[in-house]
Amino acid sequence: MGQLGASVGLIAAVIVGIGIIAFIVKGIFIVQQSQAVVVERLGSYNRTLQPGINFLIPVLERPRPIKIRRYESTGLTTKTLQERVVEEIKIDTRETVLNFPAQPVVTADNVTIQIDGALYFEIQTPRDAVYQVENLIQAVEVLSKTTLRAVVGSSELDKLFSNRDEINAQLQTVMDEAGQKWGVKVNRVEIQDITLPSDVEEAMRQVMAAERKRRATVTEANGYKEAQIKKAEGDKQAAILRAEGERKSIEEVLSAGKETNAELNAQTVVSYLIAQRYLDTLPDIAKEGDRVMVPYEATGILGSLESIKSLFPGAAGNPT
């Protein structure tokens, strides 16, 4: 009887030991890095498990699942992905990208466009993501669509193209404020593509072509204006220099006349200068043809030149 009792005690101890080991093994729960698990005890929130080895009391404690959207292949030979909403007990705390498909939006200037975007967010408070909203991903997607309609609907079409960064910042601010209740941090929102109606797109193309043509015309006009200004300034400087040269020539003639005691008047000096310029241009005139036609009026000019030279014995090689 003693041996039988000892055997029964040993078996009972083994059973208890196995039970304890099974209890401990069943209660061990490993959480990966960048994950979190919400734990309930008897149906009430107890704690949030962090990455590492954790222990759950079997039967009394259990992880609370969260609904997550997943895309799975529909067949072995096709690459088509089917959207499914599944429940997972481990919450991914990494940044997640949510693409929402193109949807019609009416701008402030009554233009209907198709616009789609991408939302980058991360779950910072797993408890709120589980208890504050029934389906987190669906709630975020619906909120992003309604926010997109509200922000884009208050903007004109031209502003969407010229100030896209500002629109993205407004979307990110509104989404972040609304997502804080769900324990979600919205990092940024990006408008990916804007599809215009064909008639609006054609009208914008014509406007851009007209604007480019206008800029080219303005540039050409400014160039012509600057060229004319430069030419006028050059002509002005040339006229000033020419007048200065003529003034100096007159002064030299008058000075020479005083030195030789010759009687000169302004008309005689001017006639002399005109005759001298005429003689200077004769070689250029001769280059244009075989014959040079001297007008009758030139004889008077040449006579003025001879009369001036006669006043200066040393001019043109005459002996003094």
Protein backbone atom coordinates (compact mmCIF):
# COMPACT_ATOMS: atom_id res chain seq x y z
CA MET A 1 0.00 0.00 0.00
CA GLY A 2 2.87 2.32 0.68
CA GLN A 3 4.33 1.77 -2.75
CA LEU A 4 0.91 2.28 -4.36
CA GLY A 5 0.41 5.54 -2.50
CA ALA A 6 3.83 6.72 -3.52
CA SER A 7 3.12 5.92 -7.16
CA VAL A 8 -0.18 7.77 -7.05
CA GLY A 9 1.51 10.75 -5.45
CA LEU A 10 4.21 10.75 -8.08
CA ILE A 11 1.70 10.60 -10.90
CA ALA A 12 -0.32 13.39 -9.35
CA ALA A 13 2.83 15.51 -9.00
CA VAL A 14 3.73 14.87 -12.62
CA ILE A 15 0.23 15.80 -13.72
CA VAL A 16 0.31 18.95 -11.63
CA GLY A 17 3.75 19.79 -12.98
CA ILE A 18 2.62 19.26 -16.54
CA GLY A 19 -0.42 21.40 -15.86
CA ILE A 20 1.71 24.16 -14.40
CA ILE A 21 4.09 24.02 -17.36
CA ALA A 22 1.17 24.06 -19.78
CA PHE A 23 -0.34 26.98 -17.87
CA ILE A 24 2.91 28.91 -18.06
CA VAL A 25 3.49 28.09 -21.73
CA LYS A 26 -0.06 29.03 -22.61
CA GLY A 27 0.31 32.31 -20.78
CA ILE A 28 3.55 33.33 -22.49
CA PHE A 29 2.85 35.92 -25.15
CA ILE A 30 5.59 37.40 -27.40
CA VAL A 31 5.06 40.80 -28.95
CA GLN A 32 7.26 41.77 -31.90
CA GLN A 33 8.98 45.11 -32.30
CA SER A 34 6.68 47.88 -33.70
CA GLN A 35 3.63 46.03 -32.38
CA ALA A 36 1.29 46.42 -29.42
CA VAL A 37 -1.46 44.28 -27.91
CA VAL A 38 -4.46 45.45 -25.89
CA VAL A 39 -5.28 43.00 -23.06
CA GLU A 40 -8.63 42.63 -21.31
CA ARG A 41 -9.21 40.90 -18.00
CA LEU A 42 -12.70 39.53 -17.56
CA GLY A 43 -13.94 41.78 -20.38
CA SER A 44 -12.43 45.04 -19.12
CA TYR A 45 -9.31 46.82 -20.30
CA ASN A 46 -6.32 45.85 -18.21
CA ARG A 47 -3.10 46.89 -19.96
CA THR A 48 -1.27 47.27 -23.27
CA LEU A 49 1.52 44.82 -23.96
CA GLN A 50 4.79 46.23 -25.26
CA PRO A 51 7.39 44.46 -27.46
CA GLY A 52 9.08 41.54 -25.73
CA ILE A 53 7.99 38.52 -23.62
CA ASN A 54 4.73 39.02 -21.73
CA PHE A 55 2.53 36.75 -19.63
CA LEU A 56 -1.24 36.45 -19.83
CA ILE A 57 -3.34 34.65 -17.25
CA PRO A 58 -5.16 31.98 -19.21
CA VAL A 59 -8.96 32.13 -19.13
CA LEU A 60 -8.95 35.41 -17.18
CA GLU A 61 -7.03 37.52 -19.69
CA ARG A 62 -7.20 37.68 -23.47
CA PRO A 63 -6.02 40.02 -26.24
CA ARG A 64 -8.62 42.35 -27.71
CA PRO A 65 -8.61 42.14 -31.56
CA ILE A 66 -8.69 45.12 -33.91
CA LYS A 67 -10.14 45.26 -37.41
CA ILE A 68 -7.51 45.72 -40.11
CA ARG A 69 -7.86 45.94 -43.87
CA ARG A 70 -5.83 43.48 -45.88
CA TYR A 71 -5.45 42.81 -49.61
CA GLU A 72 -5.20 39.18 -50.67
CA SER A 73 -4.73 37.53 -54.05
CA THR A 74 -7.92 36.08 -55.54
CA GLY A 75 -6.22 33.18 -57.37
CA LEU A 76 -2.99 31.39 -58.07
CA THR A 77 -2.65 32.59 -61.67
CA THR A 78 -4.01 36.10 -61.31
CA LYS A 79 -2.48 39.15 -59.68
CA THR A 80 -5.81 40.70 -58.74
CA LEU A 81 -5.99 41.72 -55.10
CA GLN A 82 -9.20 41.50 -53.15
CA GLU A 83 -9.90 43.72 -50.19
CA ARG A 84 -10.75 42.00 -46.93
CA VAL A 85 -11.34 43.25 -43.42
CA VAL A 86 -9.83 40.90 -40.84
CA GLU A 87 -9.41 40.93 -37.08
CA GLU A 88 -5.91 40.84 -35.64
CA ILE A 89 -4.81 40.91 -32.03
CA LYS A 90 -1.46 42.55 -32.75
CA ILE A 91 -1.65 46.23 -33.64
CA ASP A 92 1.00 47.55 -36.04
CA THR A 93 2.36 50.85 -34.72
CA ARG A 94 4.46 51.61 -37.78
CA GLU A 95 3.50 54.31 -40.29
CA THR A 96 0.78 53.05 -42.59
CA VAL A 97 -0.15 54.28 -46.06
CA LEU A 98 -3.82 54.46 -46.95
CA ASN A 99 -4.69 55.10 -50.59
CA PHE A 100 -8.22 56.26 -51.19
CA PRO A 101 -9.51 55.89 -54.75
CA ALA A 102 -10.44 58.76 -57.06
CA GLN A 103 -13.71 60.45 -56.24
CA PRO A 104 -15.64 63.37 -57.73
CA VAL A 105 -15.16 66.71 -55.99
CA VAL A 106 -16.75 70.05 -56.88
CA THR A 107 -14.42 73.03 -56.51
CA ALA A 108 -15.38 76.52 -55.37
CA ASP A 109 -15.71 77.66 -59.02
CA ASN A 110 -18.14 74.79 -59.82
CA VAL A 111 -15.75 72.48 -61.66
CA THR A 112 -16.22 68.75 -61.08
CA ILE A 113 -12.89 66.94 -60.92
CA GLN A 114 -11.69 63.45 -60.04
CA ILE A 115 -9.11 63.51 -57.26
CA ASP A 116 -7.32 60.82 -55.29
CA GLY A 117 -4.69 60.89 -52.58
CA ALA A 118 -2.67 59.04 -50.00
CA LEU A 119 -2.77 59.26 -46.22
CA TYR A 120 0.23 58.47 -44.00
CA PHE A 121 -0.68 57.74 -40.38
CA GLU A 122 0.44 55.71 -37.37
CA ILE A 123 -1.32 54.37 -34.30
CA GLN A 124 0.16 55.97 -31.20
CA THR A 125 -2.46 54.96 -28.62
CA PRO A 126 -3.58 51.34 -29.26
CA ARG A 127 -6.20 51.50 -26.49
CA ASP A 128 -8.06 54.38 -28.18
CA ALA A 129 -7.71 52.72 -31.59
CA VAL A 130 -9.55 49.67 -30.17
CA TYR A 131 -12.18 51.25 -27.94
CA GLN A 132 -12.91 54.67 -29.49
CA VAL A 133 -13.86 53.48 -32.97
CA GLU A 134 -15.44 50.29 -34.28
CA ASN A 135 -13.41 50.03 -37.51
CA LEU A 136 -10.33 52.22 -37.46
CA ILE A 137 -9.27 51.89 -41.11
CA GLN A 138 -12.77 52.50 -42.42
CA ALA A 139 -13.17 55.51 -40.14
CA VAL A 140 -9.86 57.00 -41.29
CA GLU A 141 -10.75 56.46 -44.94
CA VAL A 142 -14.21 58.03 -44.63
CA LEU A 143 -12.77 60.95 -42.70
CA SER A 144 -10.10 61.50 -45.34
CA LYS A 145 -12.70 61.54 -48.12
CA THR A 146 -15.02 63.96 -46.35
CA THR A 147 -12.11 66.21 -45.37
CA LEU A 148 -10.83 66.16 -48.93
CA ARG A 149 -14.23 67.22 -50.26
CA ALA A 150 -14.49 70.01 -47.70
CA VAL A 151 -11.01 71.46 -48.24
CA VAL A 152 -10.97 71.09 -52.03
CA GLY A 153 -14.56 72.29 -52.28
CA SER A 154 -13.57 75.60 -50.68
CA SER A 155 -10.72 76.17 -53.15
CA GLU A 156 -10.73 77.23 -56.78
CA LEU A 157 -9.31 75.03 -59.50
CA ASP A 158 -6.27 77.22 -60.18
CA LYS A 159 -5.35 77.16 -56.48
CA LEU A 160 -5.31 73.35 -56.47
CA PHE A 161 -2.50 73.33 -59.04
CA SER A 162 -0.53 76.33 -57.79
CA ASN A 163 -0.89 75.74 -54.03
CA ARG A 164 -1.03 71.96 -53.76
CA ASP A 165 1.35 71.98 -50.77
CA GLU A 166 -0.97 74.36 -48.93
CA ILE A 167 -3.96 72.10 -49.63
CA ASN A 168 -2.01 69.09 -48.35
CA ALA A 169 -1.12 71.00 -45.17
CA GLN A 170 -4.78 71.88 -44.56
CA LEU A 171 -5.81 68.26 -45.05
CA GLN A 172 -3.10 67.06 -42.69
CA THR A 173 -4.14 69.55 -39.98
CA VAL A 174 -7.84 68.64 -40.11
CA MET A 175 -7.14 64.91 -40.22
CA ASP A 176 -4.70 65.06 -37.34
CA GLU A 177 -7.14 66.91 -35.09
CA ALA A 178 -9.92 64.40 -35.82
CA GLY A 179 -7.64 61.36 -35.52
CA GLN A 180 -6.37 62.23 -32.04
CA LYS A 181 -9.60 60.86 -30.55
CA TRP A 182 -8.79 57.49 -32.10
CA GLY A 183 -5.17 57.47 -30.98
CA VAL A 184 -4.01 58.09 -34.56
CA LYS A 185 -1.31 60.51 -35.64
CA VAL A 186 -1.67 61.73 -39.24
CA ASN A 187 1.80 62.56 -40.50
CA ARG A 188 0.93 63.89 -43.95
CA VAL A 189 -1.66 63.81 -46.69
CA GLU A 190 -0.72 63.91 -50.38
CA ILE A 191 -2.97 64.70 -53.34
CA GLN A 192 -1.72 62.26 -55.94
CA ASP A 193 -3.68 62.97 -59.10
CA ILE A 194 -6.27 65.45 -60.33
CA THR A 195 -8.31 64.48 -63.39
CA LEU A 196 -10.11 67.28 -65.20
CA PRO A 197 -13.08 67.09 -67.59
CA SER A 198 -12.00 67.11 -71.24
CA ASP A 199 -13.57 70.50 -72.00
CA VAL A 200 -11.96 72.13 -68.95
CA GLU A 201 -8.60 70.59 -69.80
CA GLU A 202 -8.81 71.90 -73.37
CA ALA A 203 -9.77 75.37 -72.14
CA MET A 204 -6.82 75.42 -69.73
CA ARG A 205 -4.50 74.31 -72.54
CA GLN A 206 -5.69 77.21 -74.69
CA VAL A 207 -5.24 79.64 -71.80
CA MET A 208 -1.69 78.43 -71.21
CA ALA A 209 -0.89 78.70 -74.92
CA ALA A 210 -2.26 82.25 -75.00
CA GLU A 211 -0.26 83.13 -71.89
CA ARG A 212 2.96 81.81 -73.44
CA LYS A 213 2.25 83.79 -76.61
CA ARG A 214 1.59 86.93 -74.56
CA ARG A 215 4.86 86.53 -72.68
CA ALA A 216 6.74 86.05 -75.95
CA THR A 217 5.14 89.19 -77.37
CA VAL A 218 5.98 91.19 -74.26
CA THR A 219 9.57 89.93 -74.33
CA GLU A 220 9.91 90.83 -78.01
CA ALA A 221 8.41 94.27 -77.43
CA ASN A 222 10.74 94.91 -74.49
CA GLY A 223 13.71 93.88 -76.61
CA TYR A 224 12.66 96.19 -79.43
CA LYS A 225 12.12 99.01 -76.93
CA GLU A 226 15.56 98.54 -75.41
CA ALA A 227 17.16 98.40 -78.86
CA GLN A 228 15.46 101.65 -79.88
CA ILE A 229 16.54 103.30 -76.64
CA LYS A 230 20.12 102.19 -77.18
CA LYS A 231 20.02 103.42 -80.78
CA ALA A 232 18.57 106.78 -79.74
CA GLU A 233 21.21 107.14 -77.05
CA GLY A 234 23.90 106.31 -79.61
CA ASP A 235 22.53 108.83 -82.10
CA LYS A 236 22.36 111.40 -79.33
CA GLN A 237 25.98 110.82 -78.32
CA ALA A 238 27.06 110.90 -81.97
CA ALA A 239 25.21 114.17 -82.52
CA ILE A 240 26.80 115.64 -79.40
CA LEU A 241 30.26 114.58 -80.50
CA ARG A 242 29.64 115.84 -84.03
CA ALA A 243 28.42 119.20 -82.75
CA GLU A 244 31.40 119.39 -80.42
CA GLY A 245 33.72 118.69 -83.34
CA GLU A 246 32.06 121.34 -85.50
CA ARG A 247 32.27 123.84 -82.65
CA LYS A 248 35.97 123.17 -82.28
CA SER A 249 36.45 123.48 -86.05
CA ILE A 250 34.70 126.85 -86.10
CA GLU A 251 36.80 128.02 -83.17
CA GLU A 252 39.97 126.89 -84.93
CA VAL A 253 39.00 128.72 -88.15
CA LEU A 254 38.13 131.89 -86.29
CA SER A 255 41.33 131.65 -84.28
CA ALA A 256 43.36 131.16 -87.47
CA GLY A 257 41.59 134.13 -89.04
CA LYS A 258 42.54 136.35 -86.12
CA GLU A 259 46.15 135.27 -86.36
CA THR A 260 46.26 136.24 -90.11
CA ASN A 261 44.19 139.40 -89.59
CA ALA A 262 41.55 137.96 -91.97
CA GLU A 263 37.98 139.17 -91.86
CA LEU A 264 35.59 136.28 -91.29
CA ASN A 265 31.92 136.04 -90.51
CA ALA A 266 29.84 133.09 -89.27
CA GLN A 267 28.25 132.41 -92.70
CA THR A 268 31.64 132.14 -94.36
CA VAL A 269 32.92 129.73 -91.72
CA VAL A 270 29.82 127.55 -91.95
CA SER A 271 30.13 127.42 -95.73
CA TYR A 272 33.74 126.37 -95.32
CA LEU A 273 32.83 123.52 -92.97
CA ILE A 274 30.03 122.28 -95.24
CA ALA A 275 32.40 122.31 -98.22
CA GLN A 276 35.03 120.42 -96.23
CA ARG A 277 32.52 117.73 -95.20
CA TYR A 278 31.33 117.44 -98.80
CA LEU A 279 34.87 116.82 -99.99
CA ASP A 280 35.33 114.19 -97.28
CA THR A 281 32.29 112.24 -98.51
CA LEU A 282 33.25 112.32 -102.21
CA PRO A 283 35.43 109.16 -101.98
CA ASP A 284 32.51 107.19 -100.50
CA ILE A 285 30.19 108.47 -103.24
CA ALA A 286 32.71 107.48 -105.92
CA LYS A 287 32.73 103.87 -104.63
CA GLU A 288 29.09 103.43 -105.56
CA GLY A 289 29.57 103.88 -109.30
CA ASP A 290 31.95 104.60 -112.15
CA ARG A 291 30.82 108.19 -112.53
CA VAL A 292 30.38 110.90 -109.95
CA MET A 293 27.71 113.53 -110.65
CA VAL A 294 28.59 116.84 -108.98
CA PRO A 295 25.45 118.96 -108.42
CA TYR A 296 25.42 122.57 -109.51
CA GLU A 297 25.07 123.75 -105.90
CA ALA A 298 28.41 122.12 -105.10
CA THR A 299 30.25 124.79 -107.14
CA GLY A 300 29.12 127.44 -104.68
CA ILE A 301 30.25 125.34 -101.76
CA LEU A 302 33.63 124.74 -103.39
CA GLY A 303 33.91 128.46 -104.04
CA SER A 304 33.40 129.09 -100.33
CA LEU A 305 36.16 126.63 -99.63
CA GLU A 306 38.55 128.44 -102.03
CA SER A 307 37.64 131.79 -100.51
CA ILE A 308 38.48 130.54 -97.03
CA LYS A 309 41.72 128.97 -98.21
CA SER A 310 42.71 132.27 -99.86
CA LEU A 311 42.58 133.88 -96.44
CA PHE A 312 45.15 131.44 -95.12
CA PRO A 313 48.27 131.48 -97.25
CA GLY A 314 49.63 128.41 -95.51
CA ALA A 315 46.50 126.24 -96.14
CA ALA A 316 46.56 123.36 -98.59
CA GLY A 317 50.30 123.69 -99.14
CA ASN A 318 50.24 127.35 -100.41
CA PRO A 319 53.40 129.27 -99.69
CA THR A 320 53.25 131.99 -97.08
